[in-house]
């Protein structure tokens, strides 16, 4: 196993930058008639945000828990909150969200 020195860690930590994580949660309105169409438009909006470079990672949850998804935004907390507040599924009360300011390494990605 390769040894990671304190010097290496300190150098790498200097390269991190801020991101914003959003944890999306479904409300009881998720099961109401018409919710699927609103969630579909929510997904369409996610594609626009990805294309524009503001939404780096989209992870819809696939289990039966109360978390519906996880996002990593390339925007600050205030801008992310504005983006989420304009989301059609959030506006309609189907989803609610929590925002967290985080740091990570630019260029990291999901495994292929």
PDB file of N, CA and C in Angstrom:
ATOM      1  N   UNK A   1       0.837  -1.178   0.000  1.00  0.00           N
ATOM      2  CA  UNK A   1       0.000   0.000   0.000  1.00  0.00           C
ATOM      3  C   UNK A   1       0.884   1.243   0.000  1.00  0.00           C
ATOM      4  N   UNK A   2       0.510   2.228  -0.780  1.00  0.00           N
ATOM      5  CA  UNK A   2       1.267   3.479  -0.870  1.00  0.00           C
ATOM      6  C   UNK A   2       1.051   4.286   0.409  1.00  0.00           C
ATOM      7  N   UNK A   3       2.106   4.860   0.921  1.00  0.00           N
ATOM      8  CA  UNK A   3       2.029   5.701   2.108  1.00  0.00           C
ATOM      9  C   UNK A   3       1.710   7.141   1.688  1.00  0.00           C
ATOM     10  N   UNK A   4       0.774   7.729   2.354  1.00  0.00           N
ATOM     11  CA  UNK A   4       0.410   9.126   2.110  1.00  0.00           C
ATOM     12  C   UNK A   4       0.991   9.948   3.251  1.00  0.00           C
ATOM     13  N   UNK A   5       1.860  10.886   2.893  1.00  0.00           N
ATOM     14  CA  UNK A   5       2.516  11.709   3.910  1.00  0.00           C
ATOM     15  C   UNK A   5       1.628  12.885   4.315  1.00  0.00           C
ATOM     16  N   UNK A   6       1.947  13.461   5.448  1.00  0.00           N
ATOM     17  CA  UNK A   6       1.246  14.665   5.881  1.00  0.00           C
ATOM     18  C   UNK A   6       1.446  15.787   4.868  1.00  0.00           C
ATOM     19  N   UNK A   7       2.651  15.890   4.330  1.00  0.00           N
ATOM     20  CA  UNK A   7       2.947  16.927   3.344  1.00  0.00           C
ATOM     21  C   UNK A   7       2.059  16.765   2.115  1.00  0.00           C
ATOM     22  N   UNK A   8       1.924  15.534   1.629  1.00  0.00           N
ATOM     23  CA  UNK A   8       1.063  15.267   0.472  1.00  0.00           C
ATOM     24  C   UNK A   8      -0.381  15.656   0.784  1.00  0.00           C
ATOM     25  N   UNK A   9      -0.859  15.245   1.965  1.00  0.00           N
ATOM     26  CA  UNK A   9      -2.233  15.568   2.342  1.00  0.00           C
ATOM     27  C   UNK A   9      -2.448  17.076   2.406  1.00  0.00           C
ATOM     28  N   UNK A  10      -1.522  17.796   3.029  1.00  0.00           N
ATOM     29  CA  UNK A  10      -1.644  19.252   3.128  1.00  0.00           C
ATOM     30  C   UNK A  10      -1.629  19.908   1.753  1.00  0.00           C
ATOM     31  N   UNK A  11      -0.768  19.432   0.869  1.00  0.00           N
ATOM     32  CA  UNK A  11      -0.731  19.965  -0.498  1.00  0.00           C
ATOM     33  C   UNK A  11      -2.047  19.700  -1.226  1.00  0.00           C
ATOM     34  N   UNK A  12      -2.578  18.505  -1.090  1.00  0.00           N
ATOM     35  CA  UNK A  12      -3.830  18.156  -1.764  1.00  0.00           C
ATOM     36  C   UNK A  12      -5.006  18.952  -1.201  1.00  0.00           C
ATOM     37  N   UNK A  13      -5.050  19.116   0.116  1.00  0.00           N
ATOM     38  CA  UNK A  13      -6.159  19.851   0.724  1.00  0.00           C
ATOM     39  C   UNK A  13      -6.218  21.304   0.247  1.00  0.00           C
ATOM     40  N   UNK A  14      -5.076  21.848  -0.130  1.00  0.00           N
ATOM     41  CA  UNK A  14      -5.044  23.214  -0.660  1.00  0.00           C
ATOM     42  C   UNK A  14      -5.743  23.317  -2.020  1.00  0.00           C
ATOM     43  N   UNK A  15      -5.945  22.203  -2.690  1.00  0.00           N
ATOM     44  CA  UNK A  15      -6.564  22.226  -4.023  1.00  0.00           C
ATOM     45  C   UNK A  15      -8.086  22.091  -3.972  1.00  0.00           C
ATOM     46  N   UNK A  16      -8.640  21.862  -2.782  1.00  0.00           N
ATOM     47  CA  UNK A  16     -10.089  21.702  -2.712  1.00  0.00           C
ATOM     48  C   UNK A  16     -10.779  23.032  -2.977  1.00  0.00           C
ATOM     49  N   UNK A  17     -12.048  22.930  -3.363  1.00  0.00           N
ATOM     50  CA  UNK A  17     -12.846  24.129  -3.572  1.00  0.00           C
ATOM     51  C   UNK A  17     -14.247  23.882  -3.031  1.00  0.00           C
ATOM     52  N   UNK A  18     -15.001  24.943  -2.818  1.00  0.00           N
ATOM     53  CA  UNK A  18     -16.338  24.778  -2.239  1.00  0.00           C
ATOM     54  C   UNK A  18     -17.358  24.269  -3.254  1.00  0.00           C
ATOM     55  N   UNK A  19     -18.259  23.468  -2.761  1.00  0.00           N
ATOM     56  CA  UNK A  19     -19.425  22.978  -3.500  1.00  0.00           C
ATOM     57  C   UNK A  19     -20.597  23.009  -2.529  1.00  0.00           C
ATOM     58  N   UNK A  20     -21.763  22.697  -3.033  1.00  0.00           N
ATOM     59  CA  UNK A  20     -22.942  22.619  -2.180  1.00  0.00           C
ATOM     60  C   UNK A  20     -23.620  21.281  -2.418  1.00  0.00           C
ATOM     61  N   UNK A  21     -23.918  20.575  -1.338  1.00  0.00           N
ATOM     62  CA  UNK A  21     -24.636  19.304  -1.415  1.00  0.00           C
ATOM     63  C   UNK A  21     -26.085  19.553  -1.026  1.00  0.00           C
ATOM     64  N   UNK A  22     -26.986  18.960  -1.799  1.00  0.00           N
ATOM     65  CA  UNK A  22     -28.411  19.013  -1.482  1.00  0.00           C
ATOM     66  C   UNK A  22     -28.899  17.586  -1.273  1.00  0.00           C
ATOM     67  N   UNK A  23     -29.597  17.387  -0.171  1.00  0.00           N
ATOM     68  CA  UNK A  23     -30.261  16.110   0.085  1.00  0.00           C
ATOM     69  C   UNK A  23     -31.744  16.361  -0.134  1.00  0.00           C
ATOM     70  N   UNK A  24     -32.298  15.649  -1.106  1.00  0.00           N
ATOM     71  CA  UNK A  24     -33.696  15.816  -1.490  1.00  0.00           C
ATOM     72  C   UNK A  24     -34.533  14.753  -0.804  1.00  0.00           C
ATOM     73  N   UNK A  25     -35.669  15.164  -0.238  1.00  0.00           N
ATOM     74  CA  UNK A  25     -36.545  14.241   0.476  1.00  0.00           C
ATOM     75  C   UNK A  25     -37.975  14.389  -0.042  1.00  0.00           C
ATOM     76  N   UNK A  26     -38.641  13.262  -0.212  1.00  0.00           N
ATOM     77  CA  UNK A  26     -40.035  13.280  -0.648  1.00  0.00           C
ATOM     78  C   UNK A  26     -40.942  13.608   0.531  1.00  0.00           C
ATOM     79  N   UNK A  27     -42.038  14.269   0.232  1.00  0.00           N
ATOM     80  CA  UNK A  27     -43.079  14.514   1.221  1.00  0.00           C
ATOM     81  C   UNK A  27     -44.249  13.570   0.905  1.00  0.00           C
ATOM     82  N   UNK A  28     -45.288  13.635   1.688  1.00  0.00           N
ATOM     83  CA  UNK A  28     -46.466  12.795   1.428  1.00  0.00           C
ATOM     84  C   UNK A  28     -47.134  13.161   0.108  1.00  0.00           C
ATOM     85  N   UNK A  29     -46.866  14.347  -0.412  1.00  0.00           N
ATOM     86  CA  UNK A  29     -47.440  14.759  -1.696  1.00  0.00           C
ATOM     87  C   UNK A  29     -46.846  13.986  -2.875  1.00  0.00           C
ATOM     88  N   UNK A  30     -45.746  13.279  -2.637  1.00  0.00           N
ATOM     89  CA  UNK A  30     -45.116  12.510  -3.724  1.00  0.00           C
ATOM     90  C   UNK A  30     -46.057  11.442  -4.277  1.00  0.00           C
ATOM     91  N   UNK A  31     -46.990  10.960  -3.476  1.00  0.00           N
ATOM     92  CA  UNK A  31     -47.908   9.895  -3.893  1.00  0.00           C
ATOM     93  C   UNK A  31     -49.251  10.414  -4.396  1.00  0.00           C
ATOM     94  N   UNK A  32     -49.404  11.726  -4.472  1.00  0.00           N
ATOM     95  CA  UNK A  32     -50.680  12.293  -4.924  1.00  0.00           C
ATOM     96  C   UNK A  32     -50.803  12.212  -6.449  1.00  0.00           C
ATOM     97  N   UNK A  33     -52.033  12.177  -6.970  1.00  0.00           N
ATOM     98  CA  UNK A  33     -52.236  12.184  -8.423  1.00  0.00           C
ATOM     99  C   UNK A  33     -51.585  13.422  -9.048  1.00  0.00           C
ATOM    100  N   UNK A  34     -50.931  13.225 -10.177  1.00  0.00           N
ATOM    101  CA  UNK A  34     -50.266  14.314 -10.891  1.00  0.00           C
ATOM    102  C   UNK A  34     -48.830  14.546 -10.471  1.00  0.00           C
ATOM    103  N   UNK A  35     -48.392  13.926  -9.382  1.00  0.00           N
ATOM    104  CA  UNK A  35     -47.024  14.153  -8.898  1.00  0.00           C
ATOM    105  C   UNK A  35     -45.987  13.638  -9.889  1.00  0.00           C
ATOM    106  N   UNK A  36     -46.265  12.513 -10.540  1.00  0.00           N
ATOM    107  CA  UNK A  36     -45.280  11.941 -11.469  1.00  0.00           C
ATOM    108  C   UNK A  36     -44.918  12.921 -12.588  1.00  0.00           C
ATOM    109  N   UNK A  37     -45.903  13.642 -13.115  1.00  0.00           N
ATOM    110  CA  UNK A  37     -45.626  14.603 -14.195  1.00  0.00           C
ATOM    111  C   UNK A  37     -44.774  15.763 -13.687  1.00  0.00           C
ATOM    112  N   UNK A  38     -45.046  16.217 -12.479  1.00  0.00           N
ATOM    113  CA  UNK A  38     -44.243  17.304 -11.904  1.00  0.00           C
ATOM    114  C   UNK A  38     -42.814  16.825 -11.651  1.00  0.00           C
ATOM    115  N   UNK A  39     -42.661  15.600 -11.171  1.00  0.00           N
ATOM    116  CA  UNK A  39     -41.325  15.043 -10.949  1.00  0.00           C
ATOM    117  C   UNK A  39     -40.593  14.876 -12.277  1.00  0.00           C
ATOM    118  N   UNK A  40     -41.316  14.538 -13.343  1.00  0.00           N
ATOM    119  CA  UNK A  40     -40.707  14.436 -14.676  1.00  0.00           C
ATOM    120  C   UNK A  40     -40.139  15.793 -15.101  1.00  0.00           C
ATOM    121  N   UNK A  41     -40.876  16.858 -14.854  1.00  0.00           N
ATOM    122  CA  UNK A  41     -40.391  18.196 -15.198  1.00  0.00           C
ATOM    123  C   UNK A  41     -39.235  18.607 -14.293  1.00  0.00           C
ATOM    124  N   UNK A  42     -39.270  18.178 -13.049  1.00  0.00           N
ATOM    125  CA  UNK A  42     -38.140  18.368 -12.136  1.00  0.00           C
ATOM    126  C   UNK A  42     -36.883  17.726 -12.737  1.00  0.00           C
ATOM    127  N   UNK A  43     -37.033  16.509 -13.274  1.00  0.00           N
ATOM    128  CA  UNK A  43     -35.906  15.831 -13.910  1.00  0.00           C
ATOM    129  C   UNK A  43     -35.414  16.568 -15.150  1.00  0.00           C
ATOM    130  N   UNK A  44     -36.341  17.073 -15.947  1.00  0.00           N
ATOM    131  CA  UNK A  44     -35.957  17.839 -17.144  1.00  0.00           C
ATOM    132  C   UNK A  44     -35.120  19.055 -16.740  1.00  0.00           C
ATOM    133  N   UNK A  45     -35.541  19.707 -15.673  1.00  0.00           N
ATOM    134  CA  UNK A  45     -34.797  20.875 -15.166  1.00  0.00           C
ATOM    135  C   UNK A  45     -33.402  20.466 -14.705  1.00  0.00           C
ATOM    136  N   UNK A  46     -33.291  19.301 -14.092  1.00  0.00           N
ATOM    137  CA  UNK A  46     -31.968  18.809 -13.691  1.00  0.00           C
ATOM    138  C   UNK A  46     -31.046  18.655 -14.891  1.00  0.00           C
ATOM    139  N   UNK A  47     -31.577  18.178 -16.017  1.00  0.00           N
ATOM    140  CA  UNK A  47     -30.759  18.055 -17.225  1.00  0.00           C
ATOM    141  C   UNK A  47     -30.255  19.418 -17.685  1.00  0.00           C
ATOM    142  N   UNK A  48     -31.083  20.447 -17.589  1.00  0.00           N
ATOM    143  CA  UNK A  48     -30.655  21.800 -17.958  1.00  0.00           C
ATOM    144  C   UNK A  48     -29.550  22.275 -17.017  1.00  0.00           C
ATOM    145  N   UNK A  49     -29.735  22.067 -15.723  1.00  0.00           N
ATOM    146  CA  UNK A  49     -28.721  22.482 -14.748  1.00  0.00           C
ATOM    147  C   UNK A  49     -27.408  21.746 -14.960  1.00  0.00           C
ATOM    148  N   UNK A  50     -27.476  20.464 -15.318  1.00  0.00           N
ATOM    149  CA  UNK A  50     -26.254  19.697 -15.621  1.00  0.00           C
ATOM    150  C   UNK A  50     -25.573  20.264 -16.856  1.00  0.00           C
ATOM    151  N   UNK A  51     -26.364  20.496 -17.895  1.00  0.00           N
ATOM    152  CA  UNK A  51     -25.812  21.023 -19.148  1.00  0.00           C
ATOM    153  C   UNK A  51     -25.142  22.368 -18.926  1.00  0.00           C
ATOM    154  N   UNK A  52     -25.733  23.200 -18.059  1.00  0.00           N
ATOM    155  CA  UNK A  52     -25.187  24.529 -17.783  1.00  0.00           C
ATOM    156  C   UNK A  52     -23.985  24.510 -16.845  1.00  0.00           C
ATOM    157  N   UNK A  53     -23.664  23.342 -16.271  1.00  0.00           N
ATOM    158  CA  UNK A  53     -22.499  23.225 -15.404  1.00  0.00           C
ATOM    159  C   UNK A  53     -22.738  23.622 -13.966  1.00  0.00           C
ATOM    160  N   UNK A  54     -23.975  23.902 -13.607  1.00  0.00           N
ATOM    161  CA  UNK A  54     -24.255  24.277 -12.216  1.00  0.00           C
ATOM    162  C   UNK A  54     -24.485  23.055 -11.334  1.00  0.00           C
ATOM    163  N   UNK A  55     -24.971  21.985 -11.914  1.00  0.00           N
ATOM    164  CA  UNK A  55     -25.245  20.746 -11.181  1.00  0.00           C
ATOM    165  C   UNK A  55     -24.243  19.696 -11.659  1.00  0.00           C
ATOM    166  N   UNK A  56     -23.284  19.367 -10.784  1.00  0.00           N
ATOM    167  CA  UNK A  56     -22.185  18.470 -11.162  1.00  0.00           C
ATOM    168  C   UNK A  56     -22.573  16.999 -11.078  1.00  0.00           C
ATOM    169  N   UNK A  57     -23.272  16.636 -10.028  1.00  0.00           N
ATOM    170  CA  UNK A  57     -23.604  15.235  -9.772  1.00  0.00           C
ATOM    171  C   UNK A  57     -25.076  15.150  -9.385  1.00  0.00           C
ATOM    172  N   UNK A  58     -25.785  14.219 -10.007  1.00  0.00           N
ATOM    173  CA  UNK A  58     -27.186  13.946  -9.662  1.00  0.00           C
ATOM    174  C   UNK A  58     -27.272  12.473  -9.311  1.00  0.00           C
ATOM    175  N   UNK A  59     -27.750  12.177  -8.122  1.00  0.00           N
ATOM    176  CA  UNK A  59     -27.874  10.787  -7.666  1.00  0.00           C
ATOM    177  C   UNK A  59     -29.290  10.532  -7.155  1.00  0.00           C
ATOM    178  N   UNK A  60     -30.218  10.126  -8.036  1.00  0.00           N
ATOM    179  CA  UNK A  60     -31.540   9.756  -7.534  1.00  0.00           C
ATOM    180  C   UNK A  60     -31.422   8.521  -6.640  1.00  0.00           C
ATOM    181  N   UNK A  61     -32.121   8.538  -5.522  1.00  0.00           N
ATOM    182  CA  UNK A  61     -32.095   7.390  -4.613  1.00  0.00           C
ATOM    183  C   UNK A  61     -32.980   6.280  -5.179  1.00  0.00           C
ATOM    184  N   UNK A  62     -32.527   5.055  -5.036  1.00  0.00           N
ATOM    185  CA  UNK A  62     -33.258   3.915  -5.598  1.00  0.00           C
ATOM    186  C   UNK A  62     -33.798   2.979  -4.532  1.00  0.00           C
ATOM    187  N   UNK A  63     -33.605   3.322  -3.272  1.00  0.00           N
ATOM    188  CA  UNK A  63     -34.131   2.464  -2.215  1.00  0.00           C
ATOM    189  C   UNK A  63     -35.463   3.034  -1.714  1.00  0.00           C
ATOM    190  N   UNK A  64     -36.001   2.428  -0.707  1.00  0.00           N
ATOM    191  CA  UNK A  64     -37.311   2.833  -0.192  1.00  0.00           C
ATOM    192  C   UNK A  64     -37.218   3.801   0.984  1.00  0.00           C
ATOM    193  N   UNK A  65     -36.058   4.376   1.232  1.00  0.00           N
ATOM    194  CA  UNK A  65     -35.894   5.313   2.338  1.00  0.00           C
ATOM    195  C   UNK A  65     -36.565   6.640   2.048  1.00  0.00           C
ATOM    196  N   UNK A  66     -36.384   7.594   2.960  1.00  0.00           N
ATOM    197  CA  UNK A  66     -37.026   8.894   2.763  1.00  0.00           C
ATOM    198  C   UNK A  66     -36.155   9.883   1.993  1.00  0.00           C
ATOM    199  N   UNK A  67     -34.951   9.491   1.593  1.00  0.00           N
ATOM    200  CA  UNK A  67     -34.106  10.339   0.762  1.00  0.00           C
ATOM    201  C   UNK A  67     -34.424  10.030  -0.699  1.00  0.00           C
ATOM    202  N   UNK A  68     -34.759  11.075  -1.449  1.00  0.00           N
ATOM    203  CA  UNK A  68     -35.099  10.902  -2.863  1.00  0.00           C
ATOM    204  C   UNK A  68     -33.901  11.107  -3.773  1.00  0.00           C
ATOM    205  N   UNK A  69     -32.894  11.820  -3.298  1.00  0.00           N
ATOM    206  CA  UNK A  69     -31.731  12.041  -4.133  1.00  0.00           C
ATOM    207  C   UNK A  69     -30.694  12.898  -3.446  1.00  0.00           C
ATOM    208  N   UNK A  70     -29.539  12.949  -4.083  1.00  0.00           N
ATOM    209  CA  UNK A  70     -28.415  13.740  -3.600  1.00  0.00           C
ATOM    210  C   UNK A  70     -27.840  14.489  -4.795  1.00  0.00           C
ATOM    211  N   UNK A  71     -27.593  15.774  -4.611  1.00  0.00           N
ATOM    212  CA  UNK A  71     -27.008  16.614  -5.657  1.00  0.00           C
ATOM    213  C   UNK A  71     -25.708  17.213  -5.142  1.00  0.00           C
ATOM    214  N   UNK A  72     -24.785  17.445  -6.068  1.00  0.00           N
ATOM    215  CA  UNK A  72     -23.622  18.273  -5.775  1.00  0.00           C
ATOM    216  C   UNK A  72     -23.640  19.415  -6.785  1.00  0.00           C
ATOM    217  N   UNK A  73     -23.785  20.631  -6.256  1.00  0.00           N
ATOM    218  CA  UNK A  73     -23.843  21.828  -7.092  1.00  0.00           C
ATOM    219  C   UNK A  73     -22.503  22.539  -7.110  1.00  0.00           C
ATOM    220  N   UNK A  74     -22.223  23.171  -8.225  1.00  0.00           N
ATOM    221  CA  UNK A  74     -21.044  23.995  -8.421  1.00  0.00           C
ATOM    222  C   UNK A  74     -21.414  25.464  -8.173  1.00  0.00           C
ATOM    223  N   UNK A  75     -22.245  25.682  -7.156  1.00  0.00           N
ATOM    224  CA  UNK A  75     -22.730  27.021  -6.819  1.00  0.00           C
ATOM    225  C   UNK A  75     -22.658  27.188  -5.306  1.00  0.00           C
ATOM    226  N   UNK A  76     -22.712  28.440  -4.858  1.00  0.00           N
ATOM    227  CA  UNK A  76     -22.687  28.656  -3.411  1.00  0.00           C
ATOM    228  C   UNK A  76     -24.056  28.360  -2.806  1.00  0.00           C
ATOM    229  N   UNK A  77     -24.130  28.371  -1.495  1.00  0.00           N
ATOM    230  CA  UNK A  77     -25.359  27.996  -0.794  1.00  0.00           C
ATOM    231  C   UNK A  77     -26.527  28.893  -1.199  1.00  0.00           C
ATOM    232  N   UNK A  78     -26.301  30.198  -1.289  1.00  0.00           N
ATOM    233  CA  UNK A  78     -27.397  31.117  -1.623  1.00  0.00           C
ATOM    234  C   UNK A  78     -27.945  30.847  -3.026  1.00  0.00           C
ATOM    235  N   UNK A  79     -27.054  30.671  -3.989  1.00  0.00           N
ATOM    236  CA  UNK A  79     -27.506  30.389  -5.354  1.00  0.00           C
ATOM    237  C   UNK A  79     -28.182  29.027  -5.432  1.00  0.00           C
ATOM    238  N   UNK A  80     -27.641  28.056  -4.725  1.00  0.00           N
ATOM    239  CA  UNK A  80     -28.245  26.724  -4.716  1.00  0.00           C
ATOM    240  C   UNK A  80     -29.646  26.780  -4.129  1.00  0.00           C
ATOM    241  N   UNK A  81     -29.821  27.521  -3.052  1.00  0.00           N
ATOM    242  CA  UNK A  81     -31.145  27.659  -2.445  1.00  0.00           C
ATOM    243  C   UNK A  81     -32.128  28.287  -3.447  1.00  0.00           C
ATOM    244  N   UNK A  82     -31.675  29.291  -4.177  1.00  0.00           N
ATOM    245  CA  UNK A  82     -32.527  29.923  -5.190  1.00  0.00           C
ATOM    246  C   UNK A  82     -32.904  28.915  -6.268  1.00  0.00           C
ATOM    247  N   UNK A  83     -31.930  28.141  -6.728  1.00  0.00           N
ATOM    248  CA  UNK A  83     -32.190  27.117  -7.742  1.00  0.00           C
ATOM    249  C   UNK A  83     -33.221  26.112  -7.234  1.00  0.00           C
ATOM    250  N   UNK A  84     -33.024  25.647  -6.013  1.00  0.00           N
ATOM    251  CA  UNK A  84     -33.927  24.636  -5.462  1.00  0.00           C
ATOM    252  C   UNK A  84     -35.318  25.206  -5.194  1.00  0.00           C
ATOM    253  N   UNK A  85     -35.395  26.438  -4.739  1.00  0.00           N
ATOM    254  CA  UNK A  85     -36.701  27.045  -4.474  1.00  0.00           C
ATOM    255  C   UNK A  85     -37.512  27.230  -5.747  1.00  0.00           C
ATOM    256  N   UNK A  86     -36.843  27.298  -6.898  1.00  0.00           N
ATOM    257  CA  UNK A  86     -37.531  27.436  -8.188  1.00  0.00           C
ATOM    258  C   UNK A  86     -37.871  26.092  -8.816  1.00  0.00           C
ATOM    259  N   UNK A  87     -37.454  25.007  -8.211  1.00  0.00           N
ATOM    260  CA  UNK A  87     -37.721  23.668  -8.738  1.00  0.00           C
ATOM    261  C   UNK A  87     -39.228  23.388  -8.684  1.00  0.00           C
ATOM    262  N   UNK A  88     -39.806  22.866  -9.770  1.00  0.00           N
ATOM    263  CA  UNK A  88     -41.256  22.650  -9.770  1.00  0.00           C
ATOM    264  C   UNK A  88     -41.740  21.659  -8.706  1.00  0.00           C
ATOM    265  N   UNK A  89     -40.957  20.641  -8.410  1.00  0.00           N
ATOM    266  CA  UNK A  89     -41.375  19.660  -7.400  1.00  0.00           C
ATOM    267  C   UNK A  89     -41.223  20.205  -5.984  1.00  0.00           C
ATOM    268  N   UNK A  90     -40.286  21.104  -5.781  1.00  0.00           N
ATOM    269  CA  UNK A  90     -40.152  21.766  -4.479  1.00  0.00           C
ATOM    270  C   UNK A  90     -41.285  22.780  -4.317  1.00  0.00           C
ATOM    271  N   UNK A  91     -41.519  23.569  -5.364  1.00  0.00           N
ATOM    272  CA  UNK A  91     -42.605  24.566  -5.306  1.00  0.00           C
ATOM    273  C   UNK A  91     -43.951  23.922  -5.042  1.00  0.00           C
ATOM    274  N   UNK A  92     -44.179  22.735  -5.594  1.00  0.00           N
ATOM    275  CA  UNK A  92     -45.468  22.075  -5.410  1.00  0.00           C
ATOM    276  C   UNK A  92     -45.542  21.276  -4.107  1.00  0.00           C
ATOM    277  N   UNK A  93     -44.437  21.233  -3.356  1.00  0.00           N
ATOM    278  CA  UNK A  93     -44.436  20.548  -2.067  1.00  0.00           C
ATOM    279  C   UNK A  93     -44.188  19.050  -2.145  1.00  0.00           C
ATOM    280  N   UNK A  94     -43.820  18.545  -3.321  1.00  0.00           N
ATOM    281  CA  UNK A  94     -43.533  17.109  -3.482  1.00  0.00           C
ATOM    282  C   UNK A  94     -42.199  16.762  -2.825  1.00  0.00           C
ATOM    283  N   UNK A  95     -41.230  17.659  -2.955  1.00  0.00           N
ATOM    284  CA  UNK A  95     -39.917  17.467  -2.357  1.00  0.00           C
ATOM    285  C   UNK A  95     -39.606  18.615  -1.416  1.00  0.00           C
ATOM    286  N   UNK A  96     -38.814  18.314  -0.404  1.00  0.00           N
ATOM    287  CA  UNK A  96     -38.170  19.319   0.432  1.00  0.00           C
ATOM    288  C   UNK A  96     -36.688  18.993   0.387  1.00  0.00           C
ATOM    289  N   UNK A  97     -35.860  19.898   0.876  1.00  0.00           N
ATOM    290  CA  UNK A  97     -34.418  19.670   0.759  1.00  0.00           C
ATOM    291  C   UNK A  97     -33.656  20.249   1.937  1.00  0.00           C
ATOM    292  N   UNK A  98     -32.448  19.714   2.122  1.00  0.00           N
ATOM    293  CA  UNK A  98     -31.459  20.242   3.055  1.00  0.00           C
ATOM    294  C   UNK A  98     -30.239  20.619   2.231  1.00  0.00           C
ATOM    295  N   UNK A  99     -29.584  21.715   2.599  1.00  0.00           N
ATOM    296  CA  UNK A  99     -28.380  22.185   1.903  1.00  0.00           C
ATOM    297  C   UNK A  99     -27.203  22.141   2.869  1.00  0.00           C
ATOM    298  N   UNK A 100     -26.061  21.712   2.328  1.00  0.00           N
ATOM    299  CA  UNK A 100     -24.831  21.673   3.120  1.00  0.00           C
ATOM    300  C   UNK A 100     -23.678  22.211   2.281  1.00  0.00           C
ATOM    301  N   UNK A 101     -22.903  23.091   2.864  1.00  0.00           N
ATOM    302  CA  UNK A 101     -21.692  23.594   2.238  1.00  0.00           C
ATOM    303  C   UNK A 101     -20.588  22.560   2.457  1.00  0.00           C
ATOM    304  N   UNK A 102     -19.909  22.172   1.387  1.00  0.00           N
ATOM    305  CA  UNK A 102     -18.854  21.155   1.466  1.00  0.00           C
ATOM    306  C   UNK A 102     -17.641  21.600   0.653  1.00  0.00           C
ATOM    307  N   UNK A 103     -16.570  20.833   0.766  1.00  0.00           N
ATOM    308  CA  UNK A 103     -15.371  21.049  -0.048  1.00  0.00           C
ATOM    309  C   UNK A 103     -15.000  19.719  -0.681  1.00  0.00           C
ATOM    310  N   UNK A 104     -14.438  19.795  -1.881  1.00  0.00           N
ATOM    311  CA  UNK A 104     -13.989  18.581  -2.554  1.00  0.00           C
ATOM    312  C   UNK A 104     -12.904  18.938  -3.555  1.00  0.00           C
ATOM    313  N   UNK A 105     -12.412  17.909  -4.215  1.00  0.00           N
ATOM    314  CA  UNK A 105     -11.322  18.074  -5.166  1.00  0.00           C
ATOM    315  C   UNK A 105     -11.894  18.244  -6.574  1.00  0.00           C
ATOM    316  N   UNK A 106     -11.601  19.368  -7.246  1.00  0.00           N
ATOM    317  CA  UNK A 106     -12.053  19.536  -8.626  1.00  0.00           C
ATOM    318  C   UNK A 106     -11.563  18.366  -9.489  1.00  0.00           C
ATOM    319  N   UNK A 107     -12.434  17.885 -10.343  1.00  0.00           N
ATOM    320  CA  UNK A 107     -12.070  16.782 -11.221  1.00  0.00           C
ATOM    321  C   UNK A 107     -12.469  15.418 -10.692  1.00  0.00           C
ATOM    322  N   UNK A 108     -12.796  15.314  -9.398  1.00  0.00           N
ATOM    323  CA  UNK A 108     -13.282  14.030  -8.901  1.00  0.00           C
ATOM    324  C   UNK A 108     -14.546  13.664  -9.666  1.00  0.00           C
ATOM    325  N   UNK A 109     -14.768  12.384  -9.832  1.00  0.00           N
ATOM    326  CA  UNK A 109     -15.958  11.933 -10.551  1.00  0.00           C
ATOM    327  C   UNK A 109     -16.371  10.562 -10.046  1.00  0.00           C
ATOM    328  N   UNK A 110     -17.541  10.150 -10.467  1.00  0.00           N
ATOM    329  CA  UNK A 110     -18.028   8.818 -10.118  1.00  0.00           C
ATOM    330  C   UNK A 110     -17.250   7.775 -10.901  1.00  0.00           C
ATOM    331  N   UNK A 111     -17.060   6.616 -10.341  1.00  0.00           N
ATOM    332  CA  UNK A 111     -16.361   5.524 -11.037  1.00  0.00           C
ATOM    333  C   UNK A 111     -17.171   5.083 -12.242  1.00  0.00           C
ATOM    334  N   UNK A 112     -16.480   4.680 -13.282  1.00  0.00           N
ATOM    335  CA  UNK A 112     -17.159   4.198 -14.494  1.00  0.00           C
ATOM    336  C   UNK A 112     -17.509   2.750 -14.356  1.00  0.00           C
TER     337      UNK A 112
END
